[in-house]
Structures are given as C-alpha cells and as structure tokens.
C-alpha cells in the first residue's frame, strides 16, 4: 500500500500518550513522520474510541514568524485571498479530496499507532481538516468484544461479526495481501463455532506461510 510523507506539511502538537494497565505502563510519542496508509469511506469509519482530536493546519515557513494558516475550505463567493493562501499546500489538497469523496485517510502516527484524517464541517459554509488519534497498542479487540458479548448473552453479535468478516473477505481488492482473506475467514469460522463460546477461549491468528516465523 502506498504511503505519502506529509511530515513537511504539518506540525505535531499532540502530547505523548501514556497507556496504563494493571501491571505496566507504556508511553507513545508521535512520530515526526506521519504517513497516509490508505483511504476508507467515512461511513465505514463510524465512531471509534479516540485519544484526542486535532485540527490539521499547514506549517508556516521557517523563515517567517509563526502564524498558523487556516486549512478551512470557504464555500462562499468571497474572492479575497491572502498571499499565504496562494502557496501550494498538501494539506489543502488532501482536505479538498477527502471532502469531495467523503473519505477518511488512515494515517500511521508512530509504530503500532494509527489515526484518521478527514474533513469535518463546523457549519454549512466551512469545513476543517481533522486528525482523530486512536488508542495505541495492539490489543486484540475481537477477543474483548467477544467476551463482552458472551457475558451479556448477546450471541447474535458474534454471528453478525462473522457475516461482516465474510463480506469483507469477498470485497478485498486484488492488491490485498493473501493473508488478509485467510485471517478474515478464520475469524468468521471461529466466531460461528458453538464449542468456542467459552468465555475463557481466546481467538488467535491462523498460522499460515505468510505469518509463520
């Protein structure tokens, strides 16, 4: 999957995030290099749990006094533009594309830390480029969701997830890694097996030639 370096176009402001568990803690620092890994429909993103949300503004020139430039898209007919607005900016280009296509960009913020960049409208006339930072780490969310569903007796959720995984598997593009289809099908099969409804059971990835050490 293609990645785009946008580090020269933005300035990092989110503070380091510390993840605390019962017996350990880990601090994650935002990388100076933010990479766009791919794009997804905003409707498919939904409302994931987030650490924080931030405005994405083009970085000002290092030779000038720091004055943040607005990344807003003004839909009015005002022809008044500043000199800064005439400078090409990847942030403005990305914002316009995401807004028109109603898409979000999946970005890599650091090792094992991701977020979404998307267009967010605060009014009918203006919109802003926003960054939603997701919780870092590699917790297996499928097991957490599965245990919660079993403890609440919401077994239909497991069948629904299995159906979603199967649909996602059939809609994978030709450029997708072969292991994606295998893991999606494996997760769907495990969720449907009644003998795996023990709350202590842990879903583990399928060992294949692509992920075996």
Protein backbone atom coordinates (compact mmCIF):
# COMPACT_ATOMS: atom_id res chain seq x y z
CA UNK A 1 0.00 0.00 0.00
CA UNK A 2 1.37 3.37 -0.95
CA UNK A 3 2.41 5.76 1.77
CA UNK A 4 2.73 9.52 1.46
CA UNK A 5 5.10 11.58 3.55
CA UNK A 6 3.30 14.66 4.85
CA UNK A 7 5.72 15.49 7.65
CA UNK A 8 6.96 18.61 5.88
CA UNK A 9 3.43 19.96 5.62
CA UNK A 10 2.22 19.69 9.21
CA UNK A 11 3.42 20.48 12.69
CA UNK A 12 2.95 17.97 15.51
CA UNK A 13 1.09 19.24 18.57
CA UNK A 14 -0.43 16.16 20.30
CA UNK A 15 1.40 15.33 23.52
CA UNK A 16 2.80 11.84 24.23
CA UNK A 17 0.20 9.29 25.29
CA UNK A 18 0.77 7.01 28.30
CA UNK A 19 -1.12 3.73 28.31
CA UNK A 20 -1.53 2.37 31.85
CA UNK A 21 -2.53 -1.21 32.67
CA UNK A 22 -2.74 -3.11 35.95
CA UNK A 23 0.92 -4.11 35.97
CA UNK A 24 2.63 -1.95 33.39
CA UNK A 25 2.61 1.32 31.54
CA UNK A 26 3.85 2.41 28.13
CA UNK A 27 4.43 5.86 26.66
CA UNK A 28 3.84 6.50 22.96
CA UNK A 29 5.37 9.51 21.20
CA UNK A 30 4.00 10.93 17.97
CA UNK A 31 6.46 10.46 15.13
CA UNK A 32 7.75 13.41 13.15
CA UNK A 33 6.78 11.44 10.06
CA UNK A 34 3.06 10.94 9.52
CA UNK A 35 2.25 8.59 6.66
CA UNK A 36 -1.00 8.14 4.77
CA UNK A 37 -1.50 4.37 4.51
CA UNK A 38 -4.79 4.32 2.61
CA UNK A 39 -8.33 5.63 2.39
CA UNK A 40 -11.70 4.46 3.69
CA UNK A 41 -15.25 5.73 3.44
CA UNK A 42 -16.27 7.98 6.33
CA UNK A 43 -19.43 5.93 6.82
CA UNK A 44 -17.31 2.81 7.35
CA UNK A 45 -15.15 4.51 9.98
CA UNK A 46 -18.06 5.12 12.34
CA UNK A 47 -17.14 6.50 15.77
CA UNK A 48 -14.11 4.60 17.05
CA UNK A 49 -12.76 5.21 20.54
CA UNK A 50 -10.21 8.03 20.28
CA UNK A 51 -7.50 9.51 22.47
CA UNK A 52 -7.88 13.04 21.12
CA UNK A 53 -8.86 15.10 18.08
CA UNK A 54 -6.86 17.89 16.48
CA UNK A 55 -7.04 20.45 13.68
CA UNK A 56 -4.51 19.89 10.91
CA UNK A 57 -3.02 23.18 9.71
CA UNK A 58 -0.30 23.77 7.09
CA UNK A 59 3.05 24.62 8.66
CA UNK A 60 4.24 28.19 8.21
CA UNK A 61 7.55 28.96 6.57
CA UNK A 62 10.52 28.61 8.93
CA UNK A 63 11.91 31.91 7.69
CA UNK A 64 8.84 33.84 8.80
CA UNK A 65 7.19 34.45 12.12
CA UNK A 66 4.97 31.50 13.08
CA UNK A 67 1.41 32.34 12.08
CA UNK A 68 -0.87 29.30 11.69
CA UNK A 69 -2.53 29.09 8.29
CA UNK A 70 -6.14 28.05 8.10
CA UNK A 71 -6.89 24.80 6.30
CA UNK A 72 -10.57 25.67 6.05
CA UNK A 73 -12.47 25.49 2.80
CA UNK A 74 -14.70 28.53 2.41
CA UNK A 75 -17.70 27.82 0.20
CA UNK A 76 -18.73 31.47 -0.04
CA UNK A 77 -18.06 33.60 -3.12
CA UNK A 78 -15.52 35.81 -1.34
CA UNK A 79 -12.63 36.33 -3.77
CA UNK A 80 -10.37 37.85 -1.14
CA UNK A 81 -7.37 35.60 -0.64
CA UNK A 82 -4.17 36.21 1.27
CA UNK A 83 -0.70 35.68 -0.13
CA UNK A 84 -0.31 32.62 2.07
CA UNK A 85 -3.41 31.10 0.53
CA UNK A 86 -1.74 31.13 -2.88
CA UNK A 87 1.11 28.90 -1.69
CA UNK A 88 0.56 25.25 -2.71
CA UNK A 89 -0.24 23.10 0.32
CA UNK A 90 -0.64 19.33 0.52
CA UNK A 91 -2.96 19.77 3.50
CA UNK A 92 -5.38 21.86 1.44
CA UNK A 93 -5.17 19.39 -1.46
CA UNK A 94 -5.82 16.42 0.84
CA UNK A 95 -8.67 18.25 2.58
CA UNK A 96 -10.41 19.05 -0.68
CA UNK A 97 -10.11 15.49 -1.96
CA UNK A 98 -11.39 13.92 1.28
CA UNK A 99 -14.30 16.36 1.43
CA UNK A 100 -15.44 15.76 -2.15
CA UNK A 101 -15.09 11.96 -1.97
CA UNK A 102 -16.44 11.71 1.62
CA UNK A 103 -13.40 9.65 2.55
CA UNK A 104 -11.02 9.45 5.51
CA UNK A 105 -7.29 8.81 5.34
CA UNK A 106 -5.83 6.14 7.61
CA UNK A 107 -2.52 7.53 8.88
CA UNK A 108 0.39 5.96 10.73
CA UNK A 109 1.39 8.22 13.63
CA UNK A 110 4.12 6.02 15.09
CA UNK A 111 4.94 2.34 15.45
CA UNK A 112 1.71 0.48 16.20
CA UNK A 113 -0.22 3.78 16.46
CA UNK A 114 -2.79 4.96 13.94
CA UNK A 115 -5.37 7.65 13.35
CA UNK A 116 -7.80 9.08 10.80
CA UNK A 117 -7.61 12.35 8.86
CA UNK A 118 -10.92 13.59 7.49
CA UNK A 119 -12.95 16.69 6.64
CA UNK A 120 -15.19 17.94 9.43
CA UNK A 121 -17.75 20.74 8.96
CA UNK A 122 -18.45 23.11 11.84
CA UNK A 123 -21.02 24.99 9.77
CA UNK A 124 -22.72 24.83 6.39
CA UNK A 125 -20.10 27.06 4.77
CA UNK A 126 -16.78 25.96 6.24
CA UNK A 127 -15.01 22.71 6.99
CA UNK A 128 -11.72 21.79 8.62
CA UNK A 129 -9.15 19.05 8.20
CA UNK A 130 -9.23 16.99 11.40
CA UNK A 131 -6.99 14.30 12.88
CA UNK A 132 -8.51 11.68 15.19
CA UNK A 133 -5.89 9.79 17.17
CA UNK A 134 -6.84 6.24 18.06
CA UNK A 135 -5.71 4.34 21.14
CA UNK A 136 -2.19 2.99 20.50
CA UNK A 137 -1.14 -0.59 21.02
CA UNK A 138 -2.05 -3.99 19.66
CA UNK A 139 -4.82 -5.16 21.97
CA UNK A 140 -6.92 -7.87 20.36
CA UNK A 141 -10.24 -6.05 20.18
CA UNK A 142 -12.00 -9.10 18.72
CA UNK A 143 -11.44 -11.09 21.93
CA UNK A 144 -12.58 -8.21 24.13
CA UNK A 145 -15.76 -7.74 22.09
CA UNK A 146 -16.37 -11.50 22.02
CA UNK A 147 -16.03 -11.88 25.79
CA UNK A 148 -18.37 -8.93 26.38
CA UNK A 149 -20.98 -10.39 24.01
CA UNK A 150 -20.85 -13.82 25.70
CA UNK A 151 -21.04 -12.36 29.21
CA UNK A 152 -24.13 -10.34 28.24
CA UNK A 153 -25.72 -13.21 26.32
CA UNK A 154 -25.60 -11.19 23.09
CA UNK A 155 -24.66 -14.14 20.86
CA UNK A 156 -26.29 -12.65 17.77
CA UNK A 157 -23.45 -10.11 17.75
CA UNK A 158 -20.95 -12.89 17.12
CA UNK A 159 -22.92 -14.14 14.11
CA UNK A 160 -23.18 -10.59 12.86
CA UNK A 161 -19.42 -10.10 13.14
CA UNK A 162 -18.83 -13.37 11.31
CA UNK A 163 -21.07 -12.19 8.48
CA UNK A 164 -19.21 -8.85 8.29
CA UNK A 165 -15.84 -10.62 8.10
CA UNK A 166 -17.10 -12.85 5.27
CA UNK A 167 -18.42 -9.87 3.33
CA UNK A 168 -15.16 -8.01 3.86
CA UNK A 169 -13.28 -11.06 2.62
CA UNK A 170 -15.26 -11.15 -0.63
CA UNK A 171 -14.73 -7.43 -1.22
CA UNK A 172 -10.97 -7.43 -0.77
CA UNK A 173 -9.16 -5.80 -3.71
CA UNK A 174 -6.80 -7.80 -5.86
CA UNK A 175 -3.84 -5.93 -4.38
CA UNK A 176 -4.65 -7.10 -0.82
CA UNK A 177 -2.18 -9.36 0.93
CA UNK A 178 -3.19 -13.05 0.63
CA UNK A 179 -3.12 -13.42 4.41
CA UNK A 180 -5.99 -10.93 4.77
CA UNK A 181 -8.57 -13.28 3.26
CA UNK A 182 -7.29 -16.24 5.29
CA UNK A 183 -7.45 -14.36 8.60
CA UNK A 184 -10.91 -12.92 7.92
CA UNK A 185 -12.31 -16.33 7.01
CA UNK A 186 -10.63 -17.88 10.05
CA UNK A 187 -12.15 -15.28 12.40
CA UNK A 188 -15.60 -15.82 10.91
CA UNK A 189 -15.38 -19.59 11.35
CA UNK A 190 -14.17 -19.34 14.95
CA UNK A 191 -16.98 -16.95 15.90
CA UNK A 192 -19.62 -19.31 14.48
CA UNK A 193 -18.41 -22.46 16.25
CA UNK A 194 -20.59 -23.15 19.30
CA UNK A 195 -17.78 -25.06 21.03
CA UNK A 196 -15.82 -21.79 21.17
CA UNK A 197 -18.48 -19.98 23.20
CA UNK A 198 -16.46 -20.48 26.41
CA UNK A 199 -15.70 -17.01 27.76
CA UNK A 200 -12.12 -18.07 28.52
CA UNK A 201 -11.46 -19.13 24.94
CA UNK A 202 -9.01 -16.85 23.11
CA UNK A 203 -9.16 -16.30 19.35
CA UNK A 204 -5.63 -16.48 17.94
CA UNK A 205 -4.47 -15.69 14.39
CA UNK A 206 -4.36 -18.53 11.90
CA UNK A 207 -0.81 -19.74 11.36
CA UNK A 208 -0.03 -19.51 7.66
CA UNK A 209 3.03 -19.44 5.45
CA UNK A 210 2.71 -15.66 5.37
CA UNK A 211 2.95 -15.01 9.12
CA UNK A 212 4.84 -18.04 10.46
CA UNK A 213 8.32 -17.32 11.75
